[in-house]
Amino acid sequence: MTRFSRDFIFGTATSSYQIEGAYKEDGRSLSIWDTFSRIPGKVINMDNGNIACDHYHLYEKDIEILKTLGVDSYRFSIAWPRIFPEQGKYNEAGMNFYKKLITRLIENGIKPAVTLYHWDLPVWAHEQGGWTNRESVNWFIEYAEKCFEELDDQVDMWITHNEPWCAGFLGYHQGVHAPGHTNMEEALKAVHHILLSHGEAVALLKGKFASSTPVGITLNLSPMYPESDSANDRLAANNADGYTNRWFLDPVLKGSYPVDMMNLFSKYVHSFDFIQKGDLEKISIECDFFGINFYNRSLVKFNAASDFLYTGAYSEYPKTGMGWDISPVEFKDLIRRLRQEYTKLPIYITENGAAFDDEVSEENTVHDPERQDYIEQHIKAVAELNEEGMNIAGYYQWSLLDNFEWAFGYEKRFGITYVDFKTQERILKDSGYRYAEIIKERSI
């Protein structure tokens, strides 16, 4: 049995568009996910976040679940279109929702961990080029400044961006996330401006606000392994690692973009002039912690026909409902690599979880042994890493609630709480009860 220290943070995580609903209320304007989900073929069943988990109205109920779980902290994101429904126009009614939520969390002894951007870019910003426009950095800073001004004294921890890889590459290169573009040059500009806006936000919080609230960024990282030991497959794994991990790790933690990937991307990019003097110094500004979302490792093989010479390979690992490898051992490899090559900052696992096909029993319970096992394996890995001195300061389970799973709509359930999307009934799953037990005992 491995124990967790008293100051280790156990939490759960959600994001605004995935749970809030109330998409037209209190002055909120549309985000790119509102419009993207209306395009036939983009989201399974043409599902959308119009209602989602109706958290906007049921947040008191959700705080009750957090209390039942006994979490130390709750990570959620703010919907930018609630705060600035139009360019330059602040909406107090939108901010008031987050003030109420934060007040209730604190009253219940739960620390608010707030993400500024979890992909719901306002449509007004998208219409001016979105993240491909360098002006997006200024729009984001105007929004961040208002959030800091109104909320900083009550927030326990700020995360500037969640998974720039998804917002940038899934949104602008692969086209499977909003805004659905398929242009590598756009994707690289979008990623650069997202990372630059991260640096500017950190500078603002520490500078103008002279705030002592810890601030960082969250990257989704997936360690890449070659299918075989051949030179070709090793090259494939290197490129996959560059596209998924190093293109984000290097600028944030080393102040540079990986040259091998710049060479590879040059085929699709006419000029890297969008990287201006001083940008990388700003992007790599010192933060207080480093957030990691981890779900799975990836196995890849060489493919000469693919853009970056790699493709997914068949793996015999057990899989989650997303078809992702269950890989807690590789999770430990990833953390050790980060410690060796990148950072000494405290690490928070800001998301970790699994989707499976859950069903409600006749007794109105949800038995999800696979998810329970997944969570246990990864929390055990965190405990073992800390025994090695890896300084993981907290673990946020994804997700508090079954919710809108982006392009998968409501097909994939990641929650430790089952949500009936017709009635909005919440049922804590077995995995939720088990997580509560781990938190209470602070051991696994």
Protein backbone atom coordinates (compact mmCIF):
# COMPACT_ATOMS: atom_id res chain seq x y z
CA MET A 1 0.00 0.00 0.00
CA THR A 2 1.28 3.43 -0.96
CA ARG A 3 0.24 6.58 0.86
CA PHE A 4 -0.30 10.12 -0.39
CA SER A 5 0.82 13.14 1.60
CA ARG A 6 -1.77 15.45 3.17
CA ASP A 7 -0.94 18.22 0.73
CA PHE A 8 -1.39 16.04 -2.38
CA ILE A 9 -4.40 17.35 -4.33
CA PHE A 10 -7.12 14.95 -5.44
CA GLY A 11 -9.67 16.43 -7.82
CA THR A 12 -11.96 15.95 -10.77
CA ALA A 13 -12.13 17.97 -13.98
CA THR A 14 -14.70 19.22 -16.50
CA SER A 15 -14.90 21.90 -19.19
CA SER A 16 -17.47 24.59 -19.94
CA TYR A 17 -18.81 23.56 -23.36
CA GLN A 18 -18.96 19.90 -22.37
CA ILE A 19 -21.21 20.36 -19.34
CA GLU A 20 -22.78 23.82 -18.99
CA GLY A 21 -25.54 24.00 -21.61
CA ALA A 22 -27.48 27.31 -21.34
CA TYR A 23 -25.90 28.24 -24.64
CA LYS A 24 -28.05 31.35 -25.16
CA GLU A 25 -28.53 32.46 -21.56
CA ASP A 26 -27.39 35.58 -19.74
CA GLY A 27 -25.89 37.16 -22.81
CA ARG A 28 -23.65 34.29 -23.93
CA SER A 29 -22.83 34.38 -27.65
CA LEU A 30 -21.92 31.40 -29.79
CA SER A 31 -18.58 29.59 -29.71
CA ILE A 32 -16.95 27.72 -32.59
CA TRP A 33 -18.24 24.48 -31.05
CA ASP A 34 -21.85 25.72 -31.26
CA THR A 35 -21.46 26.32 -34.98
CA PHE A 36 -19.19 23.35 -35.74
CA SER A 37 -21.62 20.88 -34.14
CA ARG A 38 -24.37 22.12 -36.48
CA ILE A 39 -22.45 21.07 -39.59
CA PRO A 40 -23.73 17.64 -40.75
CA GLY A 41 -21.13 14.91 -40.34
CA LYS A 42 -18.90 16.74 -37.86
CA VAL A 43 -20.32 15.38 -34.58
CA ILE A 44 -21.89 11.96 -34.10
CA ASN A 45 -25.72 12.18 -34.26
CA MET A 46 -25.29 15.94 -34.77
CA ASP A 47 -25.14 16.17 -30.97
CA ASN A 48 -24.31 19.57 -29.47
CA GLY A 49 -23.71 21.30 -26.15
CA ASN A 50 -26.95 23.33 -26.13
CA ILE A 51 -28.03 21.58 -22.92
CA ALA A 52 -25.23 19.08 -22.21
CA CYS A 53 -25.36 18.31 -18.44
CA ASP A 54 -27.24 21.57 -17.76
CA HIS A 55 -24.54 22.32 -15.18
CA TYR A 56 -25.33 26.04 -15.57
CA HIS A 57 -28.58 25.38 -13.68
CA LEU A 58 -27.61 22.24 -11.76
CA TYR A 59 -24.20 23.30 -10.42
CA GLU A 60 -25.44 23.02 -6.79
CA LYS A 61 -26.27 19.37 -7.45
CA ASP A 62 -22.84 18.83 -8.97
CA ILE A 63 -21.14 20.41 -5.96
CA GLU A 64 -23.03 17.89 -3.81
CA ILE A 65 -21.38 15.12 -5.85
CA LEU A 66 -17.98 16.75 -5.34
CA LYS A 67 -18.67 16.76 -1.60
CA THR A 68 -19.63 13.08 -1.69
CA LEU A 69 -16.36 12.33 -3.48
CA GLY A 70 -14.40 14.32 -0.90
CA VAL A 71 -12.17 16.00 -3.51
CA ASP A 72 -9.71 18.70 -2.50
CA SER A 73 -10.15 20.60 -5.75
CA TYR A 74 -12.43 20.95 -8.77
CA ARG A 75 -11.00 21.91 -12.15
CA PHE A 76 -13.40 23.63 -14.56
CA SER A 77 -13.11 26.08 -17.44
CA ILE A 78 -14.65 29.46 -18.16
CA ALA A 79 -16.64 29.97 -21.38
CA TRP A 80 -15.01 32.90 -23.16
CA PRO A 81 -18.27 33.74 -25.08
CA ARG A 82 -20.02 34.26 -21.74
CA ILE A 83 -17.45 36.85 -20.68
CA PHE A 84 -16.97 38.63 -24.02
CA PRO A 85 -20.01 37.81 -26.19
CA GLU A 86 -18.87 40.53 -28.59
CA GLN A 87 -15.41 41.92 -29.24
CA GLY A 88 -14.49 44.36 -26.49
CA LYS A 89 -17.89 44.02 -24.77
CA TYR A 90 -17.68 42.62 -21.22
CA ASN A 91 -20.72 40.72 -19.98
CA GLU A 92 -21.11 40.86 -16.19
CA ALA A 93 -24.00 38.36 -16.16
CA GLY A 94 -21.70 35.71 -17.65
CA MET A 95 -19.03 36.33 -15.02
CA ASN A 96 -21.61 36.14 -12.23
CA PHE A 97 -22.20 32.45 -12.91
CA TYR A 98 -18.54 31.67 -12.19
CA LYS A 99 -18.56 33.88 -9.11
CA LYS A 100 -21.52 31.91 -7.73
CA LEU A 101 -19.87 28.60 -8.59
CA ILE A 102 -16.55 29.58 -7.00
CA THR A 103 -18.25 30.94 -3.86
CA ARG A 104 -20.16 27.68 -3.37
CA LEU A 105 -17.03 25.59 -3.97
CA ILE A 106 -15.08 27.53 -1.35
CA GLU A 107 -17.98 27.31 1.12
CA ASN A 108 -17.74 23.54 0.72
CA GLY A 109 -13.99 23.44 1.21
CA ILE A 110 -13.22 22.71 -2.45
CA LYS A 111 -10.39 24.60 -4.16
CA PRO A 112 -11.27 26.07 -7.58
CA ALA A 113 -8.72 25.26 -10.31
CA VAL A 114 -9.69 27.36 -13.30
CA THR A 115 -8.85 26.84 -16.98
CA LEU A 116 -9.18 29.97 -19.09
CA TYR A 117 -9.37 28.26 -22.48
CA HIS A 118 -10.83 24.82 -23.10
CA TRP A 119 -11.55 25.32 -26.82
CA ASP A 120 -14.72 27.45 -26.87
CA LEU A 121 -13.41 30.33 -28.98
CA PRO A 122 -16.10 32.99 -29.55
CA VAL A 123 -17.48 33.03 -33.10
CA TRP A 124 -16.69 36.76 -33.35
CA ALA A 125 -12.99 35.90 -32.91
CA HIS A 126 -13.17 33.03 -35.39
CA GLU A 127 -14.71 35.33 -38.02
CA GLN A 128 -11.52 37.41 -37.86
CA GLY A 129 -9.27 34.41 -38.40
CA GLY A 130 -9.45 32.88 -34.93
CA TRP A 131 -6.10 31.68 -33.57
CA THR A 132 -4.44 32.08 -37.00
CA ASN A 133 -4.66 35.85 -36.51
CA ARG A 134 -1.94 37.24 -34.23
CA GLU A 135 -4.56 39.67 -32.88
CA SER A 136 -6.07 36.65 -31.09
CA VAL A 137 -3.33 37.07 -28.47
CA ASN A 138 -4.71 40.52 -27.60
CA TRP A 139 -8.30 39.26 -27.53
CA PHE A 140 -7.31 36.46 -25.18
CA ILE A 141 -5.39 38.82 -22.91
CA GLU A 142 -8.38 41.17 -22.65
CA TYR A 143 -10.47 38.16 -21.58
CA ALA A 144 -7.80 36.80 -19.20
CA GLU A 145 -7.37 40.21 -17.60
CA LYS A 146 -11.07 40.43 -16.79
CA CYS A 147 -11.04 36.91 -15.29
CA PHE A 148 -7.99 37.76 -13.16
CA GLU A 149 -9.55 41.03 -12.07
CA GLU A 150 -12.85 39.47 -11.01
CA LEU A 151 -11.76 36.07 -9.71
CA ASP A 152 -8.07 35.88 -8.82
CA ASP A 153 -8.54 36.45 -5.10
CA GLN A 154 -10.68 33.29 -4.89
CA VAL A 155 -9.00 31.00 -7.43
CA ASP A 156 -6.56 28.39 -6.12
CA MET A 157 -4.77 27.79 -9.41
CA TRP A 158 -4.95 29.10 -13.00
CA ILE A 159 -4.43 27.04 -16.15
CA THR A 160 -4.08 29.25 -19.22
CA HIS A 161 -4.79 26.66 -21.93
CA ASN A 162 -5.99 23.10 -22.09
CA GLU A 163 -4.32 20.92 -24.72
CA PRO A 164 -3.10 23.35 -27.41
CA TRP A 165 -2.41 20.24 -29.54
CA CYS A 166 -6.16 19.61 -29.84
CA ALA A 167 -7.12 23.25 -30.34
CA GLY A 168 -4.35 23.70 -32.91
CA PHE A 169 -3.80 20.41 -34.72
CA LEU A 170 -7.21 18.74 -34.37
CA GLY A 171 -8.93 22.07 -35.08
CA TYR A 172 -6.83 23.52 -37.89
CA HIS A 173 -4.83 20.60 -39.36
CA GLN A 174 -6.87 17.40 -39.02
CA GLY A 175 -10.22 19.18 -39.07
CA VAL A 176 -11.93 16.83 -36.63
CA HIS A 177 -12.41 19.55 -33.99
CA ALA A 178 -13.77 23.07 -34.39
CA PRO A 179 -13.26 25.07 -36.53
CA GLY A 180 -12.70 22.03 -38.79
CA HIS A 181 -9.91 23.35 -41.01
CA THR A 182 -7.31 21.13 -42.73
CA ASN A 183 -4.35 23.40 -43.29
CA MET A 184 -0.97 22.71 -41.68
CA GLU A 185 0.23 26.29 -42.02
CA GLU A 186 -2.90 27.57 -40.28
CA ALA A 187 -2.41 24.95 -37.56
CA LEU A 188 1.16 26.04 -36.83
CA LYS A 189 0.12 29.70 -36.65
CA ALA A 190 -2.80 28.82 -34.38
CA VAL A 191 -0.57 26.79 -32.05
CA HIS A 192 2.03 29.57 -31.95
CA HIS A 193 -0.54 32.23 -31.05
CA ILE A 194 -2.14 29.99 -28.42
CA LEU A 195 1.26 29.41 -26.81
CA LEU A 196 2.12 33.10 -27.08
CA SER A 197 -1.17 34.05 -25.42
CA HIS A 198 -0.27 31.62 -22.62
CA GLY A 199 3.01 33.44 -22.03
CA GLU A 200 1.34 36.85 -22.16
CA ALA A 201 -1.32 35.74 -19.65
CA VAL A 202 1.30 34.46 -17.20
CA ALA A 203 3.24 37.72 -17.56
CA LEU A 204 0.05 39.70 -16.92
CA LEU A 205 -0.90 37.74 -13.80
CA LYS A 206 2.58 37.93 -12.30
CA GLY A 207 3.27 41.48 -13.52
CA LYS A 208 0.29 43.83 -13.44
CA PHE A 209 -1.63 41.78 -10.87
CA ALA A 210 1.46 40.80 -8.82
CA SER A 211 -0.56 37.68 -8.01
CA SER A 212 0.71 34.78 -5.92
CA THR A 213 -1.87 32.38 -7.39
CA PRO A 214 -0.01 29.49 -9.10
CA VAL A 215 -0.33 29.51 -12.88
CA GLY A 216 0.63 27.02 -15.58
CA ILE A 217 -0.44 25.35 -18.81
CA THR A 218 -1.82 21.87 -19.53
CA LEU A 219 -0.45 19.78 -22.40
CA ASN A 220 -1.84 16.42 -23.50
CA LEU A 221 1.10 14.07 -23.87
CA SER A 222 1.20 10.61 -25.37
CA PRO A 223 4.49 8.69 -25.39
CA MET A 224 5.21 7.18 -28.81
CA TYR A 225 6.68 3.72 -29.31
CA PRO A 226 7.90 2.14 -32.58
CA GLU A 227 6.19 -1.08 -33.69
CA SER A 228 9.60 -2.65 -34.30
CA ASP A 229 13.24 -1.75 -33.74
CA SER A 230 13.78 -1.03 -37.45
CA ALA A 231 15.32 2.31 -38.45
CA ASN A 232 12.10 3.19 -40.29
CA ASP A 233 9.83 2.55 -37.33
CA ARG A 234 12.16 4.45 -35.00
CA LEU A 235 12.00 7.40 -37.40
CA ALA A 236 8.20 7.11 -37.36
CA ALA A 237 8.16 7.21 -33.54
CA ASN A 238 10.46 10.25 -33.54
CA ASN A 239 8.15 12.14 -35.90
CA ALA A 240 5.02 11.13 -34.01
CA ASP A 241 6.67 12.33 -30.80
CA GLY A 242 7.57 15.62 -32.50
CA TYR A 243 4.04 16.22 -33.78
CA THR A 244 2.28 15.23 -30.56
CA ASN A 245 4.69 16.11 -27.76
CA ARG A 246 7.87 18.02 -28.59
CA TRP A 247 6.21 20.73 -30.72
CA PHE A 248 4.58 21.87 -27.46
CA LEU A 249 7.06 20.79 -24.78
CA ASP A 250 10.07 22.44 -26.42
CA PRO A 251 8.71 25.99 -26.81
CA VAL A 252 7.04 26.01 -23.38
CA LEU A 253 9.91 24.48 -21.42
CA LYS A 254 13.00 25.13 -23.58
CA GLY A 255 12.12 28.28 -25.51
CA SER A 256 12.59 26.74 -28.97
CA TYR A 257 10.75 24.72 -31.60
CA PRO A 258 12.31 21.34 -32.54
CA VAL A 259 14.32 21.83 -35.73
CA ASP A 260 13.65 18.33 -37.08
CA MET A 261 9.93 19.09 -37.04
CA MET A 262 10.43 22.53 -38.60
CA ASN A 263 12.19 20.74 -41.46
CA LEU A 264 9.34 18.25 -41.78
CA PHE A 265 6.65 20.95 -41.60
CA SER A 266 8.46 23.17 -44.15
CA LYS A 267 6.88 21.18 -46.96
CA TYR A 268 3.51 22.64 -45.90
CA VAL A 269 4.54 26.04 -44.54
CA HIS A 270 5.61 28.89 -46.78
CA SER A 271 7.30 30.87 -44.02
CA PHE A 272 7.95 30.71 -40.30
CA ASP A 273 7.82 34.52 -40.10
CA PHE A 274 4.86 34.30 -37.74
CA ILE A 275 7.44 33.40 -35.07
CA GLN A 276 8.58 36.91 -34.21
CA LYS A 277 11.55 38.15 -32.19
CA GLY A 278 10.94 37.69 -28.48
CA ASP A 279 8.01 35.27 -28.93
CA LEU A 280 9.82 32.19 -27.67
CA GLU A 281 11.14 34.01 -24.60
CA LYS A 282 7.53 34.94 -23.80
CA ILE A 283 6.18 31.44 -24.47
CA SER A 284 8.78 29.88 -22.16
CA ILE A 285 8.07 32.28 -19.28
CA GLU A 286 8.57 30.66 -15.88
CA CYS A 287 5.38 29.06 -14.57
CA ASP A 288 4.56 27.66 -11.12
CA PHE A 289 3.58 24.14 -12.22
CA PHE A 290 3.19 22.02 -15.32
CA GLY A 291 -0.13 20.31 -16.14
CA ILE A 292 -0.33 17.02 -18.02
CA ASN A 293 -3.36 15.26 -19.44
CA PHE A 294 -2.55 11.59 -19.90
CA TYR A 295 -4.78 8.91 -21.38
CA ASN A 296 -2.65 6.43 -23.33
CA ARG A 297 0.59 5.59 -25.08
CA SER A 298 0.66 5.15 -28.87
CA LEU A 299 2.29 2.51 -31.04
CA VAL A 300 3.35 3.67 -34.51
CA LYS A 301 4.99 2.33 -37.68
CA PHE A 302 6.64 3.85 -40.73
CA ASN A 303 4.40 4.88 -43.60
CA ALA A 304 6.03 6.64 -46.56
CA ALA A 305 2.66 7.83 -47.86
CA SER A 306 1.65 9.74 -44.74
CA ASP A 307 2.52 13.43 -44.29
CA PHE A 308 4.95 12.87 -41.45
CA LEU A 309 5.96 9.30 -42.32
CA TYR A 310 4.10 7.50 -39.54
CA THR A 311 0.78 5.83 -38.92
CA GLY A 312 -0.81 4.00 -35.99
CA ALA A 313 0.19 0.36 -35.54
CA TYR A 314 -1.82 -2.52 -34.13
CA SER A 315 -1.28 -3.08 -30.42
CA GLU A 316 -2.34 -6.04 -28.29
CA TYR A 317 -2.77 -3.89 -25.19
CA PRO A 318 -6.19 -3.88 -23.51
CA LYS A 319 -8.21 -0.89 -24.74
CA THR A 320 -10.64 1.68 -23.39
CA GLY A 321 -13.94 2.43 -25.13
CA MET A 322 -12.03 4.98 -27.25
CA GLY A 323 -9.80 2.20 -28.56
CA TRP A 324 -6.85 3.65 -26.64
CA ASP A 325 -4.14 1.49 -25.07
CA ILE A 326 -4.38 1.15 -21.29
CA SER A 327 -0.75 1.92 -20.45
CA PRO A 328 0.11 2.96 -16.86
CA VAL A 329 3.70 1.68 -17.21
CA GLU A 330 4.32 3.99 -20.19
CA PHE A 331 2.76 6.81 -18.18
CA LYS A 332 5.59 6.35 -15.68
CA ASP A 333 8.12 6.37 -18.54
CA LEU A 334 6.68 9.67 -19.74
CA ILE A 335 7.01 11.36 -16.34
CA ARG A 336 10.59 10.13 -15.91
CA ARG A 337 11.43 11.48 -19.36
CA LEU A 338 9.92 14.88 -18.50
CA ARG A 339 11.98 15.02 -15.34
CA GLN A 340 15.15 14.07 -17.20
CA GLU A 341 14.74 16.26 -20.28
CA TYR A 342 12.36 19.10 -19.50
CA THR A 343 11.33 20.39 -16.10
CA LYS A 344 11.67 20.42 -12.33
CA LEU A 345 8.33 22.20 -11.86
CA PRO A 346 5.68 20.46 -9.74
CA ILE A 347 3.54 18.35 -12.08
CA TYR A 348 -0.23 18.06 -11.87
CA ILE A 349 -2.01 15.30 -13.73
CA THR A 350 -4.83 17.63 -14.80
CA GLU A 351 -6.79 14.88 -16.61
CA ASN A 352 -6.71 11.10 -16.58
CA GLY A 353 -9.62 8.78 -17.20
CA ALA A 354 -11.31 6.35 -19.53
CA ALA A 355 -14.47 5.94 -21.57
CA PHE A 356 -16.39 2.68 -21.42
CA ASP A 357 -19.95 1.67 -22.35
CA ASP A 358 -21.86 2.10 -19.10
CA GLU A 359 -25.33 0.85 -18.36
CA VAL A 360 -27.64 1.55 -15.45
CA SER A 361 -28.67 -1.62 -13.57
CA GLU A 362 -32.18 -2.39 -12.36
CA GLU A 363 -31.08 -1.20 -8.91
CA ASN A 364 -30.21 2.21 -10.45
CA THR A 365 -26.48 1.67 -10.01
CA VAL A 366 -23.66 1.71 -12.55
CA HIS A 367 -21.03 -1.02 -12.32
CA ASP A 368 -17.90 0.02 -14.25
CA PRO A 369 -15.10 -2.34 -13.15
CA GLU A 370 -12.91 -1.49 -16.16
CA ARG A 371 -12.90 2.23 -15.37
CA GLN A 372 -12.34 1.52 -11.70
CA ASP A 373 -9.34 -0.63 -12.62
CA TYR A 374 -8.00 2.04 -15.01
CA ILE A 375 -8.20 4.75 -12.33
CA GLU A 376 -6.60 2.52 -9.69
CA GLN A 377 -3.71 1.59 -11.99
CA HIS A 378 -2.94 5.21 -12.82
CA ILE A 379 -3.26 6.51 -9.26
CA LYS A 380 -0.97 3.68 -8.15
CA ALA A 381 1.51 4.78 -10.84
CA VAL A 382 1.36 8.36 -9.48
CA ALA A 383 2.06 7.09 -5.95
CA GLU A 384 5.00 5.01 -7.17
CA LEU A 385 6.39 7.95 -9.16
CA ASN A 386 6.25 10.11 -6.05
CA GLU A 387 8.17 7.44 -4.17
CA GLU A 388 10.87 7.96 -6.82
CA GLY A 389 10.82 11.70 -6.06
CA MET A 390 9.01 12.74 -9.23
CA ASN A 391 7.04 15.49 -7.44
CA ILE A 392 3.53 14.97 -8.77
CA ALA A 393 1.51 17.45 -6.74
CA GLY A 394 -2.01 16.42 -7.70
CA TYR A 395 -4.30 14.18 -9.75
CA TYR A 396 -7.56 15.27 -11.43
CA GLN A 397 -9.81 12.48 -12.62
CA TRP A 398 -11.54 13.05 -15.97
CA SER A 399 -14.39 13.47 -15.66
CA LEU A 400 -16.78 14.38 -12.88
CA LEU A 401 -19.74 13.83 -15.25
CA ASP A 402 -20.54 12.01 -18.45
CA ASN A 403 -20.66 14.87 -20.94
CA PHE A 404 -20.48 16.11 -24.52
CA GLU A 405 -17.38 14.33 -25.84
CA TRP A 406 -16.60 16.69 -28.71
CA ALA A 407 -16.76 14.96 -32.13
CA PHE A 408 -18.10 11.81 -30.41
CA GLY A 409 -21.15 13.67 -29.09
CA TYR A 410 -22.81 11.77 -26.24
CA GLU A 411 -21.62 8.36 -27.45
CA LYS A 412 -18.58 8.19 -25.15
CA ARG A 413 -18.93 8.30 -21.38
CA PHE A 414 -15.86 9.38 -19.39
CA GLY A 415 -17.66 10.29 -16.18
CA ILE A 416 -17.39 8.75 -12.73
CA THR A 417 -20.97 10.05 -12.50
CA TYR A 418 -23.53 8.70 -14.97
CA VAL A 419 -25.74 11.35 -16.56
CA ASP A 420 -29.11 10.55 -18.12
CA PHE A 421 -29.14 13.27 -20.75
CA LYS A 422 -32.95 13.15 -21.09
CA THR A 423 -33.77 13.61 -17.40
CA GLN A 424 -30.44 15.04 -16.14
CA GLU A 425 -30.42 12.43 -13.38
CA ARG A 426 -26.93 11.86 -11.94
CA ILE A 427 -25.82 8.46 -10.59
CA LEU A 428 -22.41 8.04 -9.01
CA LYS A 429 -20.75 5.01 -10.63
CA ASP A 430 -18.81 2.34 -8.75
CA SER A 431 -15.61 4.02 -9.95
CA GLY A 432 -16.79 7.23 -8.26
CA TYR A 433 -17.33 5.44 -4.95
CA ARG A 434 -13.92 3.82 -5.29
CA TYR A 435 -12.28 7.17 -6.03
CA ALA A 436 -13.94 8.64 -2.93
CA GLU A 437 -12.48 5.76 -0.90
CA ILE A 438 -8.96 6.39 -2.23
CA ILE A 439 -9.28 10.09 -1.43
CA LYS A 440 -10.55 9.41 2.08
CA GLU A 441 -7.83 6.88 2.86
CA ARG A 442 -5.17 8.83 0.90
CA SER A 443 -3.63 5.50 -0.03
CA ILE A 444 -3.83 2.83 -2.68
